[in-house]
């Protein structure tokens, strides 16, 4: 898995339904998992002051077309609307 920290826009339903990454729309075809973790303060300097920030992570299968799908991890801080793509599985 490649680690990333790219801002994305996410459209939610019961879970992520779509996201926009680098100007491309990805449609979620399957939610593979969901979990919470503490913020990765060592990767994001602005979080150093609040080491207990909780993040929600969704692992989804998504793609721009039926032929171009992948597994992605979408993350946001609980109570915050800002989302990041934090992982891309090869």
PDB file of N, CA and C in Angstrom:
ATOM      1  N   UNK A   1       0.840  -1.178   0.000  1.00  0.00           N
ATOM      2  CA  UNK A   1       0.000   0.000   0.000  1.00  0.00           C
ATOM      3  C   UNK A   1       0.881   1.234   0.000  1.00  0.00           C
ATOM      4  N   UNK A   2       0.518   2.184  -0.814  1.00  0.00           N
ATOM      5  CA  UNK A   2       1.217   3.469  -0.851  1.00  0.00           C
ATOM      6  C   UNK A   2       0.513   4.428   0.094  1.00  0.00           C
ATOM      7  N   UNK A   3       1.278   5.057   0.967  1.00  0.00           N
ATOM      8  CA  UNK A   3       0.730   6.055   1.893  1.00  0.00           C
ATOM      9  C   UNK A   3       0.678   7.410   1.205  1.00  0.00           C
ATOM     10  N   UNK A   4      -0.415   8.142   1.443  1.00  0.00           N
ATOM     11  CA  UNK A   4      -0.610   9.468   0.865  1.00  0.00           C
ATOM     12  C   UNK A   4      -1.218  10.361   1.930  1.00  0.00           C
ATOM     13  N   UNK A   5      -1.343  11.622   1.625  1.00  0.00           N
ATOM     14  CA  UNK A   5      -2.076  12.566   2.479  1.00  0.00           C
ATOM     15  C   UNK A   5      -2.615  13.671   1.570  1.00  0.00           C
ATOM     16  N   UNK A   6      -3.469  13.255   0.617  1.00  0.00           N
ATOM     17  CA  UNK A   6      -4.008  14.167  -0.387  1.00  0.00           C
ATOM     18  C   UNK A   6      -5.425  14.594  -0.012  1.00  0.00           C
ATOM     19  N   UNK A   7      -5.720  15.896  -0.049  1.00  0.00           N
ATOM     20  CA  UNK A   7      -7.090  16.339   0.222  1.00  0.00           C
ATOM     21  C   UNK A   7      -8.043  15.835  -0.857  1.00  0.00           C
ATOM     22  N   UNK A   8      -9.240  15.423  -0.434  1.00  0.00           N
ATOM     23  CA  UNK A   8     -10.268  14.945  -1.356  1.00  0.00           C
ATOM     24  C   UNK A   8     -11.618  15.504  -0.917  1.00  0.00           C
ATOM     25  N   UNK A   9     -12.577  15.481  -1.829  1.00  0.00           N
ATOM     26  CA  UNK A   9     -13.971  15.812  -1.514  1.00  0.00           C
ATOM     27  C   UNK A   9     -14.744  14.501  -1.506  1.00  0.00           C
ATOM     28  N   UNK A  10     -15.548  14.282  -0.465  1.00  0.00           N
ATOM     29  CA  UNK A  10     -16.270  13.018  -0.308  1.00  0.00           C
ATOM     30  C   UNK A  10     -17.767  13.284  -0.230  1.00  0.00           C
ATOM     31  N   UNK A  11     -18.543  12.484  -0.946  1.00  0.00           N
ATOM     32  CA  UNK A  11     -20.007  12.511  -0.841  1.00  0.00           C
ATOM     33  C   UNK A  11     -20.416  11.290  -0.030  1.00  0.00           C
ATOM     34  N   UNK A  12     -21.103  11.554   1.084  1.00  0.00           N
ATOM     35  CA  UNK A  12     -21.477  10.484   2.008  1.00  0.00           C
ATOM     36  C   UNK A  12     -22.941  10.098   1.857  1.00  0.00           C
ATOM     37  N   UNK A  13     -23.224   8.830   2.145  1.00  0.00           N
ATOM     38  CA  UNK A  13     -24.568   8.288   2.341  1.00  0.00           C
ATOM     39  C   UNK A  13     -24.473   7.538   3.659  1.00  0.00           C
ATOM     40  N   UNK A  14     -24.697   6.227   3.639  1.00  0.00           N
ATOM     41  CA  UNK A  14     -24.431   5.385   4.812  1.00  0.00           C
ATOM     42  C   UNK A  14     -22.925   5.254   5.032  1.00  0.00           C
ATOM     43  N   UNK A  15     -22.176   5.548   4.022  1.00  0.00           N
ATOM     44  CA  UNK A  15     -20.715   5.561   4.013  1.00  0.00           C
ATOM     45  C   UNK A  15     -20.299   6.381   2.814  1.00  0.00           C
ATOM     46  N   UNK A  16     -19.017   6.414   2.499  1.00  0.00           N
ATOM     47  CA  UNK A  16     -18.586   7.157   1.306  1.00  0.00           C
ATOM     48  C   UNK A  16     -19.218   6.568   0.039  1.00  0.00           C
ATOM     49  N   UNK A  17     -19.801   7.418  -0.786  1.00  0.00           N
ATOM     50  CA  UNK A  17     -20.408   6.986  -2.045  1.00  0.00           C
ATOM     51  C   UNK A  17     -19.546   7.370  -3.243  1.00  0.00           C
ATOM     52  N   UNK A  18     -18.912   8.550  -3.144  1.00  0.00           N
ATOM     53  CA  UNK A  18     -18.061   9.070  -4.211  1.00  0.00           C
ATOM     54  C   UNK A  18     -16.990   9.936  -3.580  1.00  0.00           C
ATOM     55  N   UNK A  19     -15.880  10.080  -4.301  1.00  0.00           N
ATOM     56  CA  UNK A  19     -14.888  11.068  -3.890  1.00  0.00           C
ATOM     57  C   UNK A  19     -14.187  11.624  -5.118  1.00  0.00           C
ATOM     58  N   UNK A  20     -13.699  12.842  -4.983  1.00  0.00           N
ATOM     59  CA  UNK A  20     -12.964  13.500  -6.065  1.00  0.00           C
ATOM     60  C   UNK A  20     -11.520  13.624  -5.620  1.00  0.00           C
ATOM     61  N   UNK A  21     -10.629  13.077  -6.440  1.00  0.00           N
ATOM     62  CA  UNK A  21      -9.196  13.084  -6.157  1.00  0.00           C
ATOM     63  C   UNK A  21      -8.487  13.551  -7.422  1.00  0.00           C
ATOM     64  N   UNK A  22      -7.702  14.595  -7.324  1.00  0.00           N
ATOM     65  CA  UNK A  22      -6.983  15.175  -8.469  1.00  0.00           C
ATOM     66  C   UNK A  22      -7.923  15.468  -9.635  1.00  0.00           C
ATOM     67  N   UNK A  23      -9.128  15.978  -9.314  1.00  0.00           N
ATOM     68  CA  UNK A  23     -10.074  16.377 -10.344  1.00  0.00           C
ATOM     69  C   UNK A  23     -10.853  15.247 -10.990  1.00  0.00           C
ATOM     70  N   UNK A  24     -10.677  14.011 -10.520  1.00  0.00           N
ATOM     71  CA  UNK A  24     -11.395  12.874 -11.099  1.00  0.00           C
ATOM     72  C   UNK A  24     -12.401  12.327 -10.103  1.00  0.00           C
ATOM     73  N   UNK A  25     -13.584  11.977 -10.596  1.00  0.00           N
ATOM     74  CA  UNK A  25     -14.639  11.418  -9.763  1.00  0.00           C
ATOM     75  C   UNK A  25     -14.476   9.900  -9.664  1.00  0.00           C
ATOM     76  N   UNK A  26     -14.403   9.405  -8.431  1.00  0.00           N
ATOM     77  CA  UNK A  26     -14.319   7.971  -8.153  1.00  0.00           C
ATOM     78  C   UNK A  26     -15.625   7.539  -7.502  1.00  0.00           C
ATOM     79  N   UNK A  27     -16.242   6.499  -8.043  1.00  0.00           N
ATOM     80  CA  UNK A  27     -17.479   5.960  -7.473  1.00  0.00           C
ATOM     81  C   UNK A  27     -17.130   4.739  -6.617  1.00  0.00           C
ATOM     82  N   UNK A  28     -17.647   4.736  -5.395  1.00  0.00           N
ATOM     83  CA  UNK A  28     -17.396   3.625  -4.475  1.00  0.00           C
ATOM     84  C   UNK A  28     -18.300   2.461  -4.868  1.00  0.00           C
ATOM     85  N   UNK A  29     -17.700   1.293  -5.090  1.00  0.00           N
ATOM     86  CA  UNK A  29     -18.459   0.101  -5.449  1.00  0.00           C
ATOM     87  C   UNK A  29     -18.590  -0.864  -4.279  1.00  0.00           C
ATOM     88  N   UNK A  30     -17.704  -0.744  -3.287  1.00  0.00           N
ATOM     89  CA  UNK A  30     -17.770  -1.623  -2.121  1.00  0.00           C
ATOM     90  C   UNK A  30     -17.066  -0.964  -0.941  1.00  0.00           C
ATOM     91  N   UNK A  31     -17.685  -1.053   0.227  1.00  0.00           N
ATOM     92  CA  UNK A  31     -17.024  -0.628   1.464  1.00  0.00           C
ATOM     93  C   UNK A  31     -16.419  -1.874   2.085  1.00  0.00           C
ATOM     94  N   UNK A  32     -15.105  -1.880   2.237  1.00  0.00           N
ATOM     95  CA  UNK A  32     -14.415  -3.061   2.743  1.00  0.00           C
ATOM     96  C   UNK A  32     -14.167  -3.018   4.243  1.00  0.00           C
ATOM     97  N   UNK A  33     -14.216  -1.831   4.822  1.00  0.00           N
ATOM     98  CA  UNK A  33     -14.006  -1.739   6.261  1.00  0.00           C
ATOM     99  C   UNK A  33     -14.075  -0.309   6.745  1.00  0.00           C
ATOM    100  N   UNK A  34     -14.230  -0.198   8.065  1.00  0.00           N
ATOM    101  CA  UNK A  34     -14.291   1.114   8.714  1.00  0.00           C
ATOM    102  C   UNK A  34     -13.735   0.946  10.119  1.00  0.00           C
ATOM    103  N   UNK A  35     -12.888   1.884  10.549  1.00  0.00           N
ATOM    104  CA  UNK A  35     -12.327   1.838  11.894  1.00  0.00           C
ATOM    105  C   UNK A  35     -11.914   3.228  12.336  1.00  0.00           C
ATOM    106  N   UNK A  36     -11.614   3.349  13.621  1.00  0.00           N
ATOM    107  CA  UNK A  36     -11.136   4.611  14.195  1.00  0.00           C
ATOM    108  C   UNK A  36      -9.704   4.423  14.660  1.00  0.00           C
ATOM    109  N   UNK A  37      -8.949   5.511  14.647  1.00  0.00           N
ATOM    110  CA  UNK A  37      -7.570   5.491  15.140  1.00  0.00           C
ATOM    111  C   UNK A  37      -7.220   6.884  15.642  1.00  0.00           C
ATOM    112  N   UNK A  38      -6.154   6.969  16.412  1.00  0.00           N
ATOM    113  CA  UNK A  38      -5.697   8.291  16.846  1.00  0.00           C
ATOM    114  C   UNK A  38      -5.003   8.970  15.671  1.00  0.00           C
ATOM    115  N   UNK A  39      -4.969  10.284  15.697  1.00  0.00           N
ATOM    116  CA  UNK A  39      -4.377  11.061  14.603  1.00  0.00           C
ATOM    117  C   UNK A  39      -2.902  10.728  14.434  1.00  0.00           C
ATOM    118  N   UNK A  40      -2.434  10.767  13.211  1.00  0.00           N
ATOM    119  CA  UNK A  40      -1.021  10.516  12.910  1.00  0.00           C
ATOM    120  C   UNK A  40      -0.262  11.829  13.020  1.00  0.00           C
ATOM    121  N   UNK A  41      -0.012  12.256  14.247  1.00  0.00           N
ATOM    122  CA  UNK A  41       0.590  13.560  14.521  1.00  0.00           C
ATOM    123  C   UNK A  41       1.976  13.709  13.911  1.00  0.00           C
ATOM    124  N   UNK A  42       2.703  12.619  13.735  1.00  0.00           N
ATOM    125  CA  UNK A  42       4.048  12.704  13.178  1.00  0.00           C
ATOM    126  C   UNK A  42       4.035  13.021  11.690  1.00  0.00           C
ATOM    127  N   UNK A  43       2.878  12.809  11.010  1.00  0.00           N
ATOM    128  CA  UNK A  43       2.768  13.099   9.582  1.00  0.00           C
ATOM    129  C   UNK A  43       2.150  14.468   9.318  1.00  0.00           C
ATOM    130  N   UNK A  44       1.445  15.018  10.304  1.00  0.00           N
ATOM    131  CA  UNK A  44       0.725  16.270  10.123  1.00  0.00           C
ATOM    132  C   UNK A  44       1.101  17.225  11.240  1.00  0.00           C
ATOM    133  N   UNK A  45       2.058  18.117  11.027  1.00  0.00           N
ATOM    134  CA  UNK A  45       2.565  18.988  12.092  1.00  0.00           C
ATOM    135  C   UNK A  45       1.492  19.781  12.828  1.00  0.00           C
ATOM    136  N   UNK A  46       0.406  20.180  12.161  1.00  0.00           N
ATOM    137  CA  UNK A  46      -0.614  20.980  12.839  1.00  0.00           C
ATOM    138  C   UNK A  46      -1.375  20.189  13.904  1.00  0.00           C
ATOM    139  N   UNK A  47      -1.227  18.862  13.940  1.00  0.00           N
ATOM    140  CA  UNK A  47      -1.909  18.046  14.945  1.00  0.00           C
ATOM    141  C   UNK A  47      -1.102  17.860  16.220  1.00  0.00           C
ATOM    142  N   UNK A  48       0.118  18.334  16.266  1.00  0.00           N
ATOM    143  CA  UNK A  48       0.985  18.099  17.422  1.00  0.00           C
ATOM    144  C   UNK A  48       0.334  18.546  18.719  1.00  0.00           C
ATOM    145  N   UNK A  49      -0.442  19.619  18.705  1.00  0.00           N
ATOM    146  CA  UNK A  49      -1.073  20.124  19.921  1.00  0.00           C
ATOM    147  C   UNK A  49      -2.189  19.240  20.444  1.00  0.00           C
ATOM    148  N   UNK A  50      -2.766  18.380  19.622  1.00  0.00           N
ATOM    149  CA  UNK A  50      -3.876  17.537  20.049  1.00  0.00           C
ATOM    150  C   UNK A  50      -3.619  16.093  19.629  1.00  0.00           C
ATOM    151  N   UNK A  51      -2.857  15.391  20.449  1.00  0.00           N
ATOM    152  CA  UNK A  51      -2.458  14.025  20.112  1.00  0.00           C
ATOM    153  C   UNK A  51      -3.608  13.033  20.233  1.00  0.00           C
ATOM    154  N   UNK A  52      -4.716  13.442  20.825  1.00  0.00           N
ATOM    155  CA  UNK A  52      -5.831  12.527  21.020  1.00  0.00           C
ATOM    156  C   UNK A  52      -6.900  12.656  19.947  1.00  0.00           C
ATOM    157  N   UNK A  53      -6.652  13.464  18.908  1.00  0.00           N
ATOM    158  CA  UNK A  53      -7.618  13.566  17.815  1.00  0.00           C
ATOM    159  C   UNK A  53      -7.934  12.173  17.292  1.00  0.00           C
ATOM    160  N   UNK A  54      -9.224  11.891  17.160  1.00  0.00           N
ATOM    161  CA  UNK A  54      -9.640  10.599  16.635  1.00  0.00           C
ATOM    162  C   UNK A  54      -9.973  10.745  15.158  1.00  0.00           C
ATOM    163  N   UNK A  55      -9.524   9.787  14.378  1.00  0.00           N
ATOM    164  CA  UNK A  55      -9.802   9.787  12.950  1.00  0.00           C
ATOM    165  C   UNK A  55     -10.647   8.573  12.600  1.00  0.00           C
ATOM    166  N   UNK A  56     -11.534   8.772  11.621  1.00  0.00           N
ATOM    167  CA  UNK A  56     -12.332   7.684  11.083  1.00  0.00           C
ATOM    168  C   UNK A  56     -11.745   7.324   9.720  1.00  0.00           C
ATOM    169  N   UNK A  57     -11.510   6.047   9.502  1.00  0.00           N
ATOM    170  CA  UNK A  57     -10.908   5.565   8.261  1.00  0.00           C
ATOM    171  C   UNK A  57     -11.887   4.608   7.582  1.00  0.00           C
ATOM    172  N   UNK A  58     -12.074   4.807   6.295  1.00  0.00           N
ATOM    173  CA  UNK A  58     -12.902   3.915   5.483  1.00  0.00           C
ATOM    174  C   UNK A  58     -12.010   3.309   4.405  1.00  0.00           C
ATOM    175  N   UNK A  59     -12.031   1.995   4.267  1.00  0.00           N
ATOM    176  CA  UNK A  59     -11.348   1.327   3.147  1.00  0.00           C
ATOM    177  C   UNK A  59     -12.428   0.951   2.142  1.00  0.00           C
ATOM    178  N   UNK A  60     -12.266   1.455   0.919  1.00  0.00           N
ATOM    179  CA  UNK A  60     -13.289   1.256  -0.108  1.00  0.00           C
ATOM    180  C   UNK A  60     -12.661   0.768  -1.407  1.00  0.00           C
ATOM    181  N   UNK A  61     -13.472   0.076  -2.187  1.00  0.00           N
ATOM    182  CA  UNK A  61     -13.120  -0.198  -3.577  1.00  0.00           C
ATOM    183  C   UNK A  61     -13.842   0.855  -4.394  1.00  0.00           C
ATOM    184  N   UNK A  62     -13.116   1.501  -5.286  1.00  0.00           N
ATOM    185  CA  UNK A  62     -13.705   2.575  -6.089  1.00  0.00           C
ATOM    186  C   UNK A  62     -12.954   2.690  -7.402  1.00  0.00           C
ATOM    187  N   UNK A  63     -13.582   3.387  -8.338  1.00  0.00           N
ATOM    188  CA  UNK A  63     -12.918   3.602  -9.609  1.00  0.00           C
ATOM    189  C   UNK A  63     -13.580   4.686 -10.426  1.00  0.00           C
ATOM    190  N   UNK A  64     -12.871   5.081 -11.471  1.00  0.00           N
ATOM    191  CA  UNK A  64     -13.399   6.077 -12.398  1.00  0.00           C
ATOM    192  C   UNK A  64     -14.243   5.412 -13.478  1.00  0.00           C
ATOM    193  N   UNK A  65     -14.084   4.100 -13.632  1.00  0.00           N
ATOM    194  CA  UNK A  65     -14.883   3.299 -14.565  1.00  0.00           C
ATOM    195  C   UNK A  65     -14.836   1.857 -14.077  1.00  0.00           C
ATOM    196  N   UNK A  66     -15.653   1.004 -14.680  1.00  0.00           N
ATOM    197  CA  UNK A  66     -15.693  -0.402 -14.259  1.00  0.00           C
ATOM    198  C   UNK A  66     -14.342  -1.084 -14.454  1.00  0.00           C
ATOM    199  N   UNK A  67     -13.587  -0.643 -15.454  1.00  0.00           N
ATOM    200  CA  UNK A  67     -12.304  -1.272 -15.754  1.00  0.00           C
ATOM    201  C   UNK A  67     -11.161  -0.737 -14.897  1.00  0.00           C
ATOM    202  N   UNK A  68     -11.337   0.430 -14.293  1.00  0.00           N
ATOM    203  CA  UNK A  68     -10.246   1.059 -13.530  1.00  0.00           C
ATOM    204  C   UNK A  68     -10.652   1.221 -12.074  1.00  0.00           C
ATOM    205  N   UNK A  69     -10.504   0.130 -11.310  1.00  0.00           N
ATOM    206  CA  UNK A  69     -10.854   0.146  -9.892  1.00  0.00           C
ATOM    207  C   UNK A  69      -9.619  -0.073  -9.046  1.00  0.00           C
ATOM    208  N   UNK A  70      -9.711   0.380  -7.800  1.00  0.00           N
ATOM    209  CA  UNK A  70      -8.632   0.169  -6.849  1.00  0.00           C
ATOM    210  C   UNK A  70      -9.185   0.200  -5.436  1.00  0.00           C
ATOM    211  N   UNK A  71      -8.305  -0.039  -4.469  1.00  0.00           N
ATOM    212  CA  UNK A  71      -8.661  -0.001  -3.057  1.00  0.00           C
ATOM    213  C   UNK A  71      -8.036   1.257  -2.462  1.00  0.00           C
ATOM    214  N   UNK A  72      -8.861   2.048  -1.761  1.00  0.00           N
ATOM    215  CA  UNK A  72      -8.430   3.345  -1.232  1.00  0.00           C
ATOM    216  C   UNK A  72      -8.808   3.463   0.238  1.00  0.00           C
ATOM    217  N   UNK A  73      -7.992   4.187   0.981  1.00  0.00           N
ATOM    218  CA  UNK A  73      -8.325   4.522   2.361  1.00  0.00           C
ATOM    219  C   UNK A  73      -8.633   6.012   2.437  1.00  0.00           C
ATOM    220  N   UNK A  74      -9.836   6.329   2.930  1.00  0.00           N
ATOM    221  CA  UNK A  74     -10.325   7.700   3.056  1.00  0.00           C
ATOM    222  C   UNK A  74     -10.417   8.019   4.542  1.00  0.00           C
ATOM    223  N   UNK A  75      -9.859   9.147   4.955  1.00  0.00           N
ATOM    224  CA  UNK A  75      -9.737   9.465   6.379  1.00  0.00           C
ATOM    225  C   UNK A  75     -10.199  10.888   6.663  1.00  0.00           C
ATOM    226  N   UNK A  76     -10.866  11.049   7.810  1.00  0.00           N
ATOM    227  CA  UNK A  76     -11.192  12.401   8.290  1.00  0.00           C
ATOM    228  C   UNK A  76     -11.196  12.387   9.811  1.00  0.00           C
ATOM    229  N   UNK A  77     -10.918  13.548  10.388  1.00  0.00           N
ATOM    230  CA  UNK A  77     -10.979  13.690  11.843  1.00  0.00           C
ATOM    231  C   UNK A  77     -12.445  13.708  12.254  1.00  0.00           C
ATOM    232  N   UNK A  78     -12.771  12.990  13.328  1.00  0.00           N
ATOM    233  CA  UNK A  78     -14.143  12.957  13.821  1.00  0.00           C
ATOM    234  C   UNK A  78     -14.578  14.382  14.152  1.00  0.00           C
ATOM    235  N   UNK A  79     -15.738  14.781  13.630  1.00  0.00           N
ATOM    236  CA  UNK A  79     -16.247  16.133  13.846  1.00  0.00           C
ATOM    237  C   UNK A  79     -15.738  17.155  12.848  1.00  0.00           C
ATOM    238  N   UNK A  80     -14.959  16.713  11.865  1.00  0.00           N
ATOM    239  CA  UNK A  80     -14.394  17.611  10.857  1.00  0.00           C
ATOM    240  C   UNK A  80     -14.867  17.149   9.481  1.00  0.00           C
ATOM    241  N   UNK A  81     -15.109  18.066   8.595  1.00  0.00           N
ATOM    242  CA  UNK A  81     -15.576  17.736   7.247  1.00  0.00           C
ATOM    243  C   UNK A  81     -14.435  17.562   6.249  1.00  0.00           C
ATOM    244  N   UNK A  82     -13.208  17.854   6.641  1.00  0.00           N
ATOM    245  CA  UNK A  82     -12.064  17.761   5.728  1.00  0.00           C
ATOM    246  C   UNK A  82     -11.610  16.304   5.620  1.00  0.00           C
ATOM    247  N   UNK A  83     -11.523  15.808   4.387  1.00  0.00           N
ATOM    248  CA  UNK A  83     -11.153  14.421   4.112  1.00  0.00           C
ATOM    249  C   UNK A  83      -9.801  14.361   3.411  1.00  0.00           C
ATOM    250  N   UNK A  84      -9.121  13.220   3.610  1.00  0.00           N
ATOM    251  CA  UNK A  84      -7.849  12.962   2.945  1.00  0.00           C
ATOM    252  C   UNK A  84      -7.825  11.536   2.423  1.00  0.00           C
ATOM    253  N   UNK A  85      -7.212  11.357   1.264  1.00  0.00           N
ATOM    254  CA  UNK A  85      -6.909  10.025   0.774  1.00  0.00           C
ATOM    255  C   UNK A  85      -5.570   9.661   1.416  1.00  0.00           C
ATOM    256  N   UNK A  86      -5.569   8.631   2.259  1.00  0.00           N
ATOM    257  CA  UNK A  86      -4.369   8.303   3.032  1.00  0.00           C
ATOM    258  C   UNK A  86      -3.713   6.998   2.606  1.00  0.00           C
ATOM    259  N   UNK A  87      -4.339   6.260   1.704  1.00  0.00           N
ATOM    260  CA  UNK A  87      -3.717   5.030   1.239  1.00  0.00           C
ATOM    261  C   UNK A  87      -4.288   4.576  -0.084  1.00  0.00           C
ATOM    262  N   UNK A  88      -3.422   4.016  -0.930  1.00  0.00           N
ATOM    263  CA  UNK A  88      -3.818   3.434  -2.208  1.00  0.00           C
ATOM    264  C   UNK A  88      -3.183   2.054  -2.265  1.00  0.00           C
ATOM    265  N   UNK A  89      -4.015   1.018  -2.398  1.00  0.00           N
ATOM    266  CA  UNK A  89      -3.509  -0.351  -2.470  1.00  0.00           C
ATOM    267  C   UNK A  89      -3.204  -0.701  -3.921  1.00  0.00           C
ATOM    268  N   UNK A  90      -2.064  -1.298  -4.125  1.00  0.00           N
ATOM    269  CA  UNK A  90      -1.657  -1.707  -5.479  1.00  0.00           C
ATOM    270  C   UNK A  90      -2.463  -2.898  -5.952  1.00  0.00           C
TER     271      UNK A  90
END
